[in-house]
Amino acid sequence: MAHPKRRQGKARSAKRRSHDKAVIPTLAVCSNCGAWHVYHTVCGECGYYRGKIAIVKEAAL
């Protein structure tokens, strides 16, 4: 079995794990209703995406 001759540095370990960090999703403002939604997704309030209706939302009762 392989056995390291020298200790691996902290920076090298951190570089290897750099893609495992939790990232907060980017938010955007809807151009139709002004509500916040996750970037590159349909607005949950009105159903618009990039200025066009993507999902027909029913009116609230």
C-alpha atoms as a PDB file:
ATOM      1  CA  MET A   1       0.000   0.000   0.000  1.00  0.00           C
ATOM      2  CA  ALA A   2       1.240   3.498  -0.826  1.00  0.00           C
ATOM      3  CA  HIS A   3       2.589   5.581   2.016  1.00  0.00           C
ATOM      4  CA  PRO A   4       3.278   9.327   1.641  1.00  0.00           C
ATOM      5  CA  LYS A   5       6.823  10.516   2.281  1.00  0.00           C
ATOM      6  CA  ARG A   6       5.787  14.094   3.028  1.00  0.00           C
ATOM      7  CA  ARG A   7       2.796  15.754   4.663  1.00  0.00           C
ATOM      8  CA  GLN A   8       0.174  17.188   2.331  1.00  0.00           C
ATOM      9  CA  GLY A   9      -0.337  20.931   2.837  1.00  0.00           C
ATOM     10  CA  LYS A  10      -3.572  22.646   3.887  1.00  0.00           C
ATOM     11  CA  ALA A  11      -3.737  24.628   0.649  1.00  0.00           C
ATOM     12  CA  ARG A  12      -3.552  21.491  -1.460  1.00  0.00           C
ATOM     13  CA  SER A  13      -6.385  19.853   0.486  1.00  0.00           C
ATOM     14  CA  ALA A  14      -8.497  23.006   0.214  1.00  0.00           C
ATOM     15  CA  LYS A  15      -7.982  23.167  -3.572  1.00  0.00           C
ATOM     16  CA  ARG A  16      -9.173  19.585  -3.914  1.00  0.00           C
ATOM     17  CA  ARG A  17     -12.350  20.336  -1.945  1.00  0.00           C
ATOM     18  CA  SER A  18     -13.096  23.720  -3.560  1.00  0.00           C
ATOM     19  CA  HIS A  19     -16.049  22.404  -5.611  1.00  0.00           C
ATOM     20  CA  ASP A  20     -17.825  20.915  -2.571  1.00  0.00           C
ATOM     21  CA  LYS A  21     -18.769  24.269  -1.035  1.00  0.00           C
ATOM     22  CA  ALA A  22     -22.446  25.084  -0.553  1.00  0.00           C
ATOM     23  CA  VAL A  23     -23.476  27.950  -2.823  1.00  0.00           C
ATOM     24  CA  ILE A  24     -26.419  30.271  -2.250  1.00  0.00           C
ATOM     25  CA  PRO A  25     -28.600  30.342  -5.392  1.00  0.00           C
ATOM     26  CA  THR A  26     -28.624  33.592  -7.360  1.00  0.00           C
ATOM     27  CA  LEU A  27     -31.903  35.462  -7.175  1.00  0.00           C
ATOM     28  CA  ALA A  28     -33.464  37.694  -9.815  1.00  0.00           C
ATOM     29  CA  VAL A  29     -36.394  40.109  -9.934  1.00  0.00           C
ATOM     30  CA  CYS A  30     -39.286  39.122 -12.197  1.00  0.00           C
ATOM     31  CA  SER A  31     -39.794  41.655 -14.994  1.00  0.00           C
ATOM     32  CA  ASN A  32     -43.554  41.051 -14.957  1.00  0.00           C
ATOM     33  CA  CYS A  33     -44.568  41.118 -11.276  1.00  0.00           C
ATOM     34  CA  GLY A  34     -41.392  42.226  -9.463  1.00  0.00           C
ATOM     35  CA  ALA A  35     -41.184  39.168  -7.202  1.00  0.00           C
ATOM     36  CA  TRP A  36     -37.865  37.472  -6.386  1.00  0.00           C
ATOM     37  CA  HIS A  37     -37.208  34.056  -7.950  1.00  0.00           C
ATOM     38  CA  VAL A  38     -34.246  31.755  -8.563  1.00  0.00           C
ATOM     39  CA  TYR A  39     -32.206  32.811 -11.605  1.00  0.00           C
ATOM     40  CA  HIS A  40     -32.944  30.901 -14.861  1.00  0.00           C
ATOM     41  CA  THR A  41     -36.245  29.528 -13.536  1.00  0.00           C
ATOM     42  CA  VAL A  42     -39.909  30.361 -13.997  1.00  0.00           C
ATOM     43  CA  CYS A  43     -41.343  32.923 -11.573  1.00  0.00           C
ATOM     44  CA  GLY A  44     -43.432  31.140  -8.955  1.00  0.00           C
ATOM     45  CA  GLU A  45     -45.774  34.110  -8.488  1.00  0.00           C
ATOM     46  CA  CYS A  46     -46.899  34.827 -12.052  1.00  0.00           C
ATOM     47  CA  GLY A  47     -45.470  31.991 -14.204  1.00  0.00           C
ATOM     48  CA  TYR A  48     -43.403  34.205 -16.521  1.00  0.00           C
ATOM     49  CA  TYR A  49     -39.893  33.418 -17.781  1.00  0.00           C
ATOM     50  CA  ARG A  50     -37.846  35.885 -19.840  1.00  0.00           C
ATOM     51  CA  GLY A  51     -40.862  38.092 -20.561  1.00  0.00           C
ATOM     52  CA  LYS A  52     -43.107  35.274 -21.836  1.00  0.00           C
ATOM     53  CA  ILE A  53     -45.739  33.223 -20.035  1.00  0.00           C
ATOM     54  CA  ALA A  54     -44.402  29.732 -19.349  1.00  0.00           C
ATOM     55  CA  ILE A  55     -46.945  28.384 -16.860  1.00  0.00           C
ATOM     56  CA  VAL A  56     -50.564  29.439 -16.731  1.00  0.00           C
ATOM     57  CA  LYS A  57     -51.265  30.293 -13.089  1.00  0.00           C
ATOM     58  CA  GLU A  58     -54.850  30.266 -11.856  1.00  0.00           C
ATOM     59  CA  ALA A  59     -56.189  33.287  -9.974  1.00  0.00           C
ATOM     60  CA  ALA A  60     -56.182  33.121  -6.186  1.00  0.00           C
ATOM     61  CA  LEU A  61     -59.592  32.490  -4.674  1.00  0.00           C
END
